[in-house]
Amino acid sequence: AQEGAVFDRAYCNTPLCAPSRASMMTGQMPSDVGCYDN
């Protein structure tokens, strides 16, 4: 962090494991991917 870029207000797009990761990997919201839950 000291040598890089720190994003102080970074959020997940859903606070749950599987839909958060599917959303992260696709750049889409969970509801757009159809990944609602675990």
PDB file of all heavy atoms in Angstrom:
ATOM      1  N   ALA A   1       0.828  -1.212   0.000  1.00  0.00           N
ATOM      2  CA  ALA A   1       0.000   0.000   0.000  1.00  0.00           C
ATOM      3  C   ALA A   1       0.859   1.257   0.000  1.00  0.00           C
ATOM      4  O   ALA A   1       0.546   2.245  -0.676  1.00  0.00           O
ATOM      5  CB  ALA A   1      -0.931  -0.014   1.213  1.00  0.00           C
ATOM      6  N   GLN A   2       1.940   1.233   0.750  1.00  0.00           N
ATOM      7  CA  GLN A   2       2.817   2.390   0.857  1.00  0.00           C
ATOM      8  C   GLN A   2       3.424   2.760  -0.498  1.00  0.00           C
ATOM      9  O   GLN A   2       3.642   3.935  -0.803  1.00  0.00           O
ATOM     10  CB  GLN A   2       3.935   2.110   1.871  1.00  0.00           C
ATOM     11  CG  GLN A   2       4.833   3.291   2.170  1.00  0.00           C
ATOM     12  CD  GLN A   2       4.111   4.398   2.925  1.00  0.00           C
ATOM     13  OE1 GLN A   2       3.200   4.127   3.712  1.00  0.00           O
ATOM     14  NE2 GLN A   2       4.504   5.647   2.700  1.00  0.00           N
ATOM     15  N   GLU A   3       3.636   1.761  -1.341  1.00  0.00           N
ATOM     16  CA  GLU A   3       4.307   1.978  -2.621  1.00  0.00           C
ATOM     17  C   GLU A   3       3.352   1.935  -3.812  1.00  0.00           C
ATOM     18  O   GLU A   3       3.795   2.110  -4.953  1.00  0.00           O
ATOM     19  CB  GLU A   3       5.403   0.917  -2.808  1.00  0.00           C
ATOM     20  CG  GLU A   3       6.436   0.895  -1.698  1.00  0.00           C
ATOM     21  CD  GLU A   3       7.349  -0.317  -1.790  1.00  0.00           C
ATOM     22  OE1 GLU A   3       7.797  -0.622  -2.910  1.00  0.00           O
ATOM     23  OE2 GLU A   3       7.580  -0.965  -0.752  1.00  0.00           O
ATOM     24  N   GLY A   4       2.070   1.702  -3.567  1.00  0.00           N
ATOM     25  CA  GLY A   4       1.133   1.530  -4.667  1.00  0.00           C
ATOM     26  C   GLY A   4      -0.053   2.464  -4.588  1.00  0.00           C
ATOM     27  O   GLY A   4       0.027   3.555  -4.017  1.00  0.00           O
ATOM     28  N   ALA A   5      -1.157   2.033  -5.172  1.00  0.00           N
ATOM     29  CA  ALA A   5      -2.404   2.789  -5.162  1.00  0.00           C
ATOM     30  C   ALA A   5      -3.356   2.141  -4.166  1.00  0.00           C
ATOM     31  O   ALA A   5      -3.596   0.928  -4.224  1.00  0.00           O
ATOM     32  CB  ALA A   5      -3.034   2.810  -6.550  1.00  0.00           C
ATOM     33  N   VAL A   6      -3.887   2.940  -3.255  1.00  0.00           N
ATOM     34  CA  VAL A   6      -4.825   2.454  -2.243  1.00  0.00           C
ATOM     35  C   VAL A   6      -6.169   3.125  -2.484  1.00  0.00           C
ATOM     36  O   VAL A   6      -6.259   4.356  -2.525  1.00  0.00           O
ATOM     37  CB  VAL A   6      -4.334   2.764  -0.813  1.00  0.00           C
ATOM     38  CG1 VAL A   6      -5.323   2.231   0.214  1.00  0.00           C
ATOM     39  CG2 VAL A   6      -2.949   2.193  -0.588  1.00  0.00           C
ATOM     40  N   PHE A   7      -7.197   2.316  -2.633  1.00  0.00           N
ATOM     41  CA  PHE A   7      -8.541   2.843  -2.843  1.00  0.00           C
ATOM     42  C   PHE A   7      -9.274   2.770  -1.502  1.00  0.00           C
ATOM     43  O   PHE A   7      -9.617   1.688  -1.018  1.00  0.00           O
ATOM     44  CB  PHE A   7      -9.239   2.059  -3.953  1.00  0.00           C
ATOM     45  CG  PHE A   7      -8.543   2.252  -5.285  1.00  0.00           C
ATOM     46  CD1 PHE A   7      -7.502   1.412  -5.663  1.00  0.00           C
ATOM     47  CD2 PHE A   7      -8.882   3.308  -6.112  1.00  0.00           C
ATOM     48  CE1 PHE A   7      -6.832   1.607  -6.863  1.00  0.00           C
ATOM     49  CE2 PHE A   7      -8.218   3.512  -7.314  1.00  0.00           C
ATOM     50  CZ  PHE A   7      -7.195   2.663  -7.688  1.00  0.00           C
ATOM     51  N   ASP A   8      -9.449   3.941  -0.918  1.00  0.00           N
ATOM     52  CA  ASP A   8      -9.974   4.010   0.447  1.00  0.00           C
ATOM     53  C   ASP A   8     -11.458   3.689   0.545  1.00  0.00           C
ATOM     54  O   ASP A   8     -11.935   3.324   1.618  1.00  0.00           O
ATOM     55  CB  ASP A   8      -9.719   5.403   1.034  1.00  0.00           C
ATOM     56  CG  ASP A   8      -8.273   5.599   1.459  1.00  0.00           C
ATOM     57  OD1 ASP A   8      -7.716   4.662   2.055  1.00  0.00           O
ATOM     58  OD2 ASP A   8      -7.702   6.669   1.182  1.00  0.00           O
ATOM     59  N   ARG A   9     -12.185   3.852  -0.560  1.00  0.00           N
ATOM     60  CA  ARG A   9     -13.621   3.570  -0.537  1.00  0.00           C
ATOM     61  C   ARG A   9     -13.943   2.550  -1.620  1.00  0.00           C
ATOM     62  O   ARG A   9     -14.576   2.846  -2.623  1.00  0.00           O
ATOM     63  CB  ARG A   9     -14.425   4.853  -0.732  1.00  0.00           C
ATOM     64  CG  ARG A   9     -14.222   5.877   0.382  1.00  0.00           C
ATOM     65  CD  ARG A   9     -15.219   7.006   0.247  1.00  0.00           C
ATOM     66  NE  ARG A   9     -16.589   6.535   0.426  1.00  0.00           N
ATOM     67  CZ  ARG A   9     -17.667   7.232   0.056  1.00  0.00           C
ATOM     68  NH1 ARG A   9     -17.528   8.396  -0.558  1.00  0.00           N
ATOM     69  NH2 ARG A   9     -18.876   6.758   0.263  1.00  0.00           N
ATOM     70  N   ALA A  10     -13.461   1.349  -1.408  1.00  0.00           N
ATOM     71  CA  ALA A  10     -13.726   0.244  -2.323  1.00  0.00           C
ATOM     72  C   ALA A  10     -14.784  -0.663  -1.701  1.00  0.00           C
ATOM     73  O   ALA A  10     -14.735  -0.964  -0.507  1.00  0.00           O
ATOM     74  CB  ALA A  10     -12.457  -0.544  -2.602  1.00  0.00           C
ATOM     75  N   TYR A  11     -15.736  -1.092  -2.513  1.00  0.00           N
ATOM     76  CA  TYR A  11     -16.850  -1.900  -2.042  1.00  0.00           C
ATOM     77  C   TYR A  11     -16.978  -3.175  -2.876  1.00  0.00           C
ATOM     78  O   TYR A  11     -16.635  -3.195  -4.065  1.00  0.00           O
ATOM     79  CB  TYR A  11     -18.167  -1.115  -2.142  1.00  0.00           C
ATOM     80  CG  TYR A  11     -18.244   0.073  -1.220  1.00  0.00           C
ATOM     81  CD1 TYR A  11     -17.788   1.318  -1.633  1.00  0.00           C
ATOM     82  CD2 TYR A  11     -18.765  -0.041   0.067  1.00  0.00           C
ATOM     83  CE1 TYR A  11     -17.851   2.423  -0.783  1.00  0.00           C
ATOM     84  CE2 TYR A  11     -18.826   1.049   0.911  1.00  0.00           C
ATOM     85  CZ  TYR A  11     -18.369   2.286   0.487  1.00  0.00           C
ATOM     86  OH  TYR A  11     -18.429   3.375   1.325  1.00  0.00           O
ATOM     87  N   CYS A  12     -17.486  -4.229  -2.243  1.00  0.00           N
ATOM     88  CA  CYS A  12     -17.953  -5.367  -3.015  1.00  0.00           C
ATOM     89  C   CYS A  12     -19.304  -4.990  -3.617  1.00  0.00           C
ATOM     90  O   CYS A  12     -19.947  -4.039  -3.167  1.00  0.00           O
ATOM     91  CB  CYS A  12     -18.080  -6.611  -2.134  1.00  0.00           C
ATOM     92  SG  CYS A  12     -19.270  -6.457  -0.772  1.00  0.00           S
ATOM     93  N   ASN A  13     -19.747  -5.741  -4.609  1.00  0.00           N
ATOM     94  CA  ASN A  13     -21.041  -5.446  -5.224  1.00  0.00           C
ATOM     95  C   ASN A  13     -22.150  -6.324  -4.693  1.00  0.00           C
ATOM     96  O   ASN A  13     -23.314  -6.156  -5.065  1.00  0.00           O
ATOM     97  CB  ASN A  13     -20.936  -5.545  -6.741  1.00  0.00           C
ATOM     98  CG  ASN A  13     -19.962  -4.511  -7.289  1.00  0.00           C
ATOM     99  OD1 ASN A  13     -18.825  -4.841  -7.618  1.00  0.00           O
ATOM    100  ND2 ASN A  13     -20.370  -3.261  -7.340  1.00  0.00           N
ATOM    101  N   THR A  14     -21.776  -7.224  -3.817  1.00  0.00           N
ATOM    102  CA  THR A  14     -22.723  -7.959  -2.989  1.00  0.00           C
ATOM    103  C   THR A  14     -21.924  -8.597  -1.860  1.00  0.00           C
ATOM    104  O   THR A  14     -20.854  -9.158  -2.112  1.00  0.00           O
ATOM    105  CB  THR A  14     -23.508  -9.024  -3.780  1.00  0.00           C
ATOM    106  OG1 THR A  14     -24.498  -9.617  -2.928  1.00  0.00           O
ATOM    107  CG2 THR A  14     -22.613 -10.100  -4.328  1.00  0.00           C
ATOM    108  N   PRO A  15     -22.368  -8.481  -0.613  1.00  0.00           N
ATOM    109  CA  PRO A  15     -21.567  -8.995   0.501  1.00  0.00           C
ATOM    110  C   PRO A  15     -21.781 -10.487   0.753  1.00  0.00           C
ATOM    111  O   PRO A  15     -22.206 -10.911   1.822  1.00  0.00           O
ATOM    112  CB  PRO A  15     -22.038  -8.135   1.683  1.00  0.00           C
ATOM    113  CG  PRO A  15     -23.453  -7.795   1.336  1.00  0.00           C
ATOM    114  CD  PRO A  15     -23.516  -7.685  -0.155  1.00  0.00           C
ATOM    115  N   LEU A  16     -21.460 -11.297  -0.261  1.00  0.00           N
ATOM    116  CA  LEU A  16     -21.570 -12.738  -0.157  1.00  0.00           C
ATOM    117  C   LEU A  16     -20.616 -13.354  -1.180  1.00  0.00           C
ATOM    118  O   LEU A  16     -20.460 -12.825  -2.290  1.00  0.00           O
ATOM    119  CB  LEU A  16     -23.001 -13.203  -0.403  1.00  0.00           C
ATOM    120  CG  LEU A  16     -23.317 -14.640   0.018  1.00  0.00           C
ATOM    121  CD1 LEU A  16     -23.244 -14.816   1.536  1.00  0.00           C
ATOM    122  CD2 LEU A  16     -24.693 -15.065  -0.496  1.00  0.00           C
ATOM    123  N   CYS A  17     -20.037 -14.507  -0.828  1.00  0.00           N
ATOM    124  CA  CYS A  17     -18.875 -15.043  -1.553  1.00  0.00           C
ATOM    125  C   CYS A  17     -19.102 -15.263  -3.046  1.00  0.00           C
ATOM    126  O   CYS A  17     -18.487 -14.612  -3.890  1.00  0.00           O
ATOM    127  CB  CYS A  17     -18.444 -16.359  -0.917  1.00  0.00           C
ATOM    128  SG  CYS A  17     -18.006 -16.219   0.829  1.00  0.00           S
ATOM    129  N   ALA A  18     -19.938 -16.237  -3.425  1.00  0.00           N
ATOM    130  CA  ALA A  18     -20.037 -16.656  -4.821  1.00  0.00           C
ATOM    131  C   ALA A  18     -20.519 -15.540  -5.738  1.00  0.00           C
ATOM    132  O   ALA A  18     -19.907 -15.289  -6.781  1.00  0.00           O
ATOM    133  CB  ALA A  18     -20.935 -17.890  -4.940  1.00  0.00           C
ATOM    134  N   PRO A  19     -21.605 -14.836  -5.410  1.00  0.00           N
ATOM    135  CA  PRO A  19     -22.034 -13.764  -6.320  1.00  0.00           C
ATOM    136  C   PRO A  19     -21.049 -12.611  -6.386  1.00  0.00           C
ATOM    137  O   PRO A  19     -20.905 -11.976  -7.439  1.00  0.00           O
ATOM    138  CB  PRO A  19     -23.392 -13.336  -5.752  1.00  0.00           C
ATOM    139  CG  PRO A  19     -23.402 -13.804  -4.345  1.00  0.00           C
ATOM    140  CD  PRO A  19     -22.574 -15.043  -4.310  1.00  0.00           C
ATOM    141  N   SER A  20     -20.345 -12.319  -5.302  1.00  0.00           N
ATOM    142  CA  SER A  20     -19.344 -11.254  -5.322  1.00  0.00           C
ATOM    143  C   SER A  20     -18.222 -11.598  -6.286  1.00  0.00           C
ATOM    144  O   SER A  20     -17.764 -10.756  -7.065  1.00  0.00           O
ATOM    145  CB  SER A  20     -18.778 -11.028  -3.913  1.00  0.00           C
ATOM    146  OG  SER A  20     -17.775 -10.032  -3.931  1.00  0.00           O
ATOM    147  N   ARG A  21     -17.768 -12.845  -6.269  1.00  0.00           N
ATOM    148  CA  ARG A  21     -16.656 -13.253  -7.118  1.00  0.00           C
ATOM    149  C   ARG A  21     -17.072 -13.341  -8.586  1.00  0.00           C
ATOM    150  O   ARG A  21     -16.304 -12.959  -9.479  1.00  0.00           O
ATOM    151  CB  ARG A  21     -16.108 -14.589  -6.614  1.00  0.00           C
ATOM    152  CG  ARG A  21     -15.444 -14.471  -5.249  1.00  0.00           C
ATOM    153  CD  ARG A  21     -15.350 -15.813  -4.533  1.00  0.00           C
ATOM    154  NE  ARG A  21     -14.778 -15.648  -3.206  1.00  0.00           N
ATOM    155  CZ  ARG A  21     -13.480 -15.727  -2.930  1.00  0.00           C
ATOM    156  NH1 ARG A  21     -12.605 -15.950  -3.890  1.00  0.00           N
ATOM    157  NH2 ARG A  21     -13.040 -15.571  -1.697  1.00  0.00           N
ATOM    158  N   ALA A  22     -18.282 -13.842  -8.851  1.00  0.00           N
ATOM    159  CA  ALA A  22     -18.769 -13.886 -10.233  1.00  0.00           C
ATOM    160  C   ALA A  22     -18.899 -12.483 -10.795  1.00  0.00           C
ATOM    161  O   ALA A  22     -18.558 -12.215 -11.951  1.00  0.00           O
ATOM    162  CB  ALA A  22     -20.112 -14.618 -10.288  1.00  0.00           C
ATOM    163  N   SER A  23     -19.374 -11.563  -9.965  1.00  0.00           N
ATOM    164  CA  SER A  23     -19.504 -10.171 -10.373  1.00  0.00           C
ATOM    165  C   SER A  23     -18.133  -9.560 -10.648  1.00  0.00           C
ATOM    166  O   SER A  23     -17.913  -8.899 -11.666  1.00  0.00           O
ATOM    167  CB  SER A  23     -20.231  -9.390  -9.277  1.00  0.00           C
ATOM    168  OG  SER A  23     -20.309  -8.019  -9.567  1.00  0.00           O
ATOM    169  N   MET A  24     -17.199  -9.800  -9.768  1.00  0.00           N
ATOM    170  CA  MET A  24     -15.841  -9.279  -9.922  1.00  0.00           C
ATOM    171  C   MET A  24     -15.196  -9.794 -11.208  1.00  0.00           C
ATOM    172  O   MET A  24     -14.558  -9.035 -11.941  1.00  0.00           O
ATOM    173  CB  MET A  24     -14.995  -9.688  -8.717  1.00  0.00           C
ATOM    174  CG  MET A  24     -13.531  -9.291  -8.801  1.00  0.00           C
ATOM    175  SD  MET A  24     -12.511 -10.072  -7.518  1.00  0.00           S
ATOM    176  CE  MET A  24     -12.394 -11.755  -8.151  1.00  0.00           C
ATOM    177  N   MET A  25     -15.375 -11.070 -11.495  1.00  0.00           N
ATOM    178  CA  MET A  25     -14.699 -11.663 -12.645  1.00  0.00           C
ATOM    179  C   MET A  25     -15.311 -11.248 -13.979  1.00  0.00           C
ATOM    180  O   MET A  25     -14.656 -11.291 -15.011  1.00  0.00           O
ATOM    181  CB  MET A  25     -14.696 -13.186 -12.523  1.00  0.00           C
ATOM    182  CG  MET A  25     -13.718 -13.681 -11.471  1.00  0.00           C
ATOM    183  SD  MET A  25     -13.204 -15.380 -11.785  1.00  0.00           S
ATOM    184  CE  MET A  25     -12.396 -15.229 -13.358  1.00  0.00           C
ATOM    185  N   THR A  26     -16.577 -10.830 -13.967  1.00  0.00           N
ATOM    186  CA  THR A  26     -17.250 -10.454 -15.212  1.00  0.00           C
ATOM    187  C   THR A  26     -17.376  -8.952 -15.402  1.00  0.00           C
ATOM    188  O   THR A  26     -17.699  -8.497 -16.499  1.00  0.00           O
ATOM    189  CB  THR A  26     -18.661 -11.055 -15.260  1.00  0.00           C
ATOM    190  OG1 THR A  26     -19.417 -10.572 -14.143  1.00  0.00           O
ATOM    191  CG2 THR A  26     -18.613 -12.579 -15.226  1.00  0.00           C
ATOM    192  N   GLY A  27     -17.161  -8.171 -14.332  1.00  0.00           N
ATOM    193  CA  GLY A  27     -17.371  -6.732 -14.426  1.00  0.00           C
ATOM    194  C   GLY A  27     -18.838  -6.367 -14.527  1.00  0.00           C
ATOM    195  O   GLY A  27     -19.177  -5.254 -14.946  1.00  0.00           O
ATOM    196  N   GLN A  28     -19.724  -7.270 -14.116  1.00  0.00           N
ATOM    197  CA  GLN A  28     -21.170  -7.048 -14.180  1.00  0.00           C
ATOM    198  C   GLN A  28     -21.776  -7.191 -12.785  1.00  0.00           C
ATOM    199  O   GLN A  28     -21.226  -7.872 -11.919  1.00  0.00           O
ATOM    200  CB  GLN A  28     -21.834  -8.071 -15.116  1.00  0.00           C
ATOM    201  CG  GLN A  28     -21.236  -8.141 -16.509  1.00  0.00           C
ATOM    202  CD  GLN A  28     -21.655  -6.974 -17.385  1.00  0.00           C
ATOM    203  OE1 GLN A  28     -22.358  -6.075 -16.942  1.00  0.00           O
ATOM    204  NE2 GLN A  28     -21.216  -6.976 -18.633  1.00  0.00           N
ATOM    205  N   MET A  29     -22.940  -6.581 -12.593  1.00  0.00           N
ATOM    206  CA  MET A  29     -23.633  -6.739 -11.319  1.00  0.00           C
ATOM    207  C   MET A  29     -24.146  -8.170 -11.173  1.00  0.00           C
ATOM    208  O   MET A  29     -24.458  -8.836 -12.167  1.00  0.00           O
ATOM    209  CB  MET A  29     -24.785  -5.746 -11.227  1.00  0.00           C
ATOM    210  CG  MET A  29     -24.339  -4.286 -11.171  1.00  0.00           C
ATOM    211  SD  MET A  29     -23.271  -3.921  -9.742  1.00  0.00           S
ATOM    212  CE  MET A  29     -24.411  -4.212  -8.368  1.00  0.00           C
ATOM    213  N   PRO A  30     -24.253  -8.664  -9.940  1.00  0.00           N
ATOM    214  CA  PRO A  30     -24.700 -10.050  -9.735  1.00  0.00           C
ATOM    215  C   PRO A  30     -26.026 -10.361 -10.412  1.00  0.00           C
ATOM    216  O   PRO A  30     -26.184 -11.444 -10.998  1.00  0.00           O
ATOM    217  CB  PRO A  30     -24.808 -10.152  -8.205  1.00  0.00           C
ATOM    218  CG  PRO A  30     -23.835  -9.148  -7.697  1.00  0.00           C
ATOM    219  CD  PRO A  30     -23.874  -8.011  -8.664  1.00  0.00           C
ATOM    220  N   SER A  31     -26.986  -9.442 -10.368  1.00  0.00           N
ATOM    221  CA  SER A  31     -28.291  -9.709 -10.983  1.00  0.00           C
ATOM    222  C   SER A  31     -28.190  -9.798 -12.493  1.00  0.00           C
ATOM    223  O   SER A  31     -28.995 -10.482 -13.137  1.00  0.00           O
ATOM    224  CB  SER A  31     -29.301  -8.625 -10.585  1.00  0.00           C
ATOM    225  OG  SER A  31     -28.881  -7.342 -11.044  1.00  0.00           O
ATOM    226  N   ASP A  32     -27.203  -9.123 -13.089  1.00  0.00           N
ATOM    227  CA  ASP A  32     -27.014  -9.211 -14.536  1.00  0.00           C
ATOM    228  C   ASP A  32     -26.375 -10.534 -14.947  1.00  0.00           C
ATOM    229  O   ASP A  32     -26.552 -10.991 -16.081  1.00  0.00           O
ATOM    230  CB  ASP A  32     -26.146  -8.043 -15.030  1.00  0.00           C
ATOM    231  CG  ASP A  32     -26.846  -6.701 -14.899  1.00  0.00           C
ATOM    232  OD1 ASP A  32     -28.079  -6.663 -15.059  1.00  0.00           O
ATOM    233  OD2 ASP A  32     -26.165  -5.704 -14.615  1.00  0.00           O
ATOM    234  N   VAL A  33     -25.627 -11.127 -14.028  1.00  0.00           N
ATOM    235  CA  VAL A  33     -25.001 -12.421 -14.297  1.00  0.00           C
ATOM    236  C   VAL A  33     -25.952 -13.561 -13.935  1.00  0.00           C
ATOM    237  O   VAL A  33     -25.800 -14.689 -14.400  1.00  0.00           O
ATOM    238  CB  VAL A  33     -23.678 -12.557 -13.510  1.00  0.00           C
ATOM    239  CG1 VAL A  33     -22.965 -13.861 -13.819  1.00  0.00           C
ATOM    240  CG2 VAL A  33     -22.756 -11.384 -13.810  1.00  0.00           C
ATOM    241  N   GLY A  34     -26.961 -13.270 -13.114  1.00  0.00           N
ATOM    242  CA  GLY A  34     -27.861 -14.301 -12.613  1.00  0.00           C
ATOM    243  C   GLY A  34     -27.312 -15.034 -11.418  1.00  0.00           C
ATOM    244  O   GLY A  34     -27.838 -16.071 -11.012  1.00  0.00           O
ATOM    245  N   CYS A  35     -26.248 -14.514 -10.813  1.00  0.00           N
ATOM    246  CA  CYS A  35     -25.653 -15.110  -9.614  1.00  0.00           C
ATOM    247  C   CYS A  35     -26.188 -14.365  -8.392  1.00  0.00           C
ATOM    248  O   CYS A  35     -25.585 -13.392  -7.937  1.00  0.00           O
ATOM    249  CB  CYS A  35     -24.129 -15.049  -9.678  1.00  0.00           C
ATOM    250  SG  CYS A  35     -23.423 -16.145 -10.908  1.00  0.00           S
ATOM    251  N   TYR A  36     -27.296 -14.822  -7.896  1.00  0.00           N
ATOM    252  CA  TYR A  36     -27.967 -14.120  -6.812  1.00  0.00           C
ATOM    253  C   TYR A  36     -27.411 -14.481  -5.439  1.00  0.00           C
ATOM    254  O   TYR A  36     -27.500 -13.679  -4.500  1.00  0.00           O
ATOM    255  CB  TYR A  36     -29.464 -14.449  -6.829  1.00  0.00           C
ATOM    256  CG  TYR A  36     -30.157 -14.172  -8.136  1.00  0.00           C
ATOM    257  CD1 TYR A  36     -30.870 -15.163  -8.790  1.00  0.00           C
ATOM    258  CD2 TYR A  36     -30.118 -12.902  -8.711  1.00  0.00           C
ATOM    259  CE1 TYR A  36     -31.531 -14.919  -9.991  1.00  0.00           C
ATOM    260  CE2 TYR A  36     -30.776 -12.641  -9.912  1.00  0.00           C
ATOM    261  CZ  TYR A  36     -31.472 -13.654 -10.545  1.00  0.00           C
ATOM    262  OH  TYR A  36     -32.124 -13.407 -11.734  1.00  0.00           O
ATOM    263  N   ASP A  37     -26.877 -15.696  -5.298  1.00  0.00           N
ATOM    264  CA  ASP A  37     -26.531 -16.203  -3.973  1.00  0.00           C
ATOM    265  C   ASP A  37     -25.496 -17.305  -4.117  1.00  0.00           C
ATOM    266  O   ASP A  37     -24.988 -17.559  -5.207  1.00  0.00           O
ATOM    267  CB  ASP A  37     -27.788 -16.712  -3.261  1.00  0.00           C
ATOM    268  CG  ASP A  37     -28.596 -17.672  -4.146  1.00  0.00           C
ATOM    269  OD1 ASP A  37     -28.050 -18.721  -4.531  1.00  0.00           O
ATOM    270  OD2 ASP A  37     -29.760 -17.369  -4.463  1.00  0.00           O
ATOM    271  N   ASN A  38     -25.200 -17.985  -3.018  1.00  0.00           N
ATOM    272  CA  ASN A  38     -24.169 -19.026  -3.024  1.00  0.00           C
ATOM    273  C   ASN A  38     -24.644 -20.350  -3.609  1.00  0.00           C
ATOM    274  O   ASN A  38     -23.893 -21.324  -3.616  1.00  0.00           O
ATOM    275  CB  ASN A  38     -23.652 -19.266  -1.605  1.00  0.00           C
ATOM    276  CG  ASN A  38     -22.626 -18.228  -1.178  1.00  0.00           C
ATOM    277  OD1 ASN A  38     -22.111 -17.477  -2.006  1.00  0.00           O
ATOM    278  ND2 ASN A  38     -22.326 -18.180   0.114  1.00  0.00           N
TER     279      ASN A  38
END
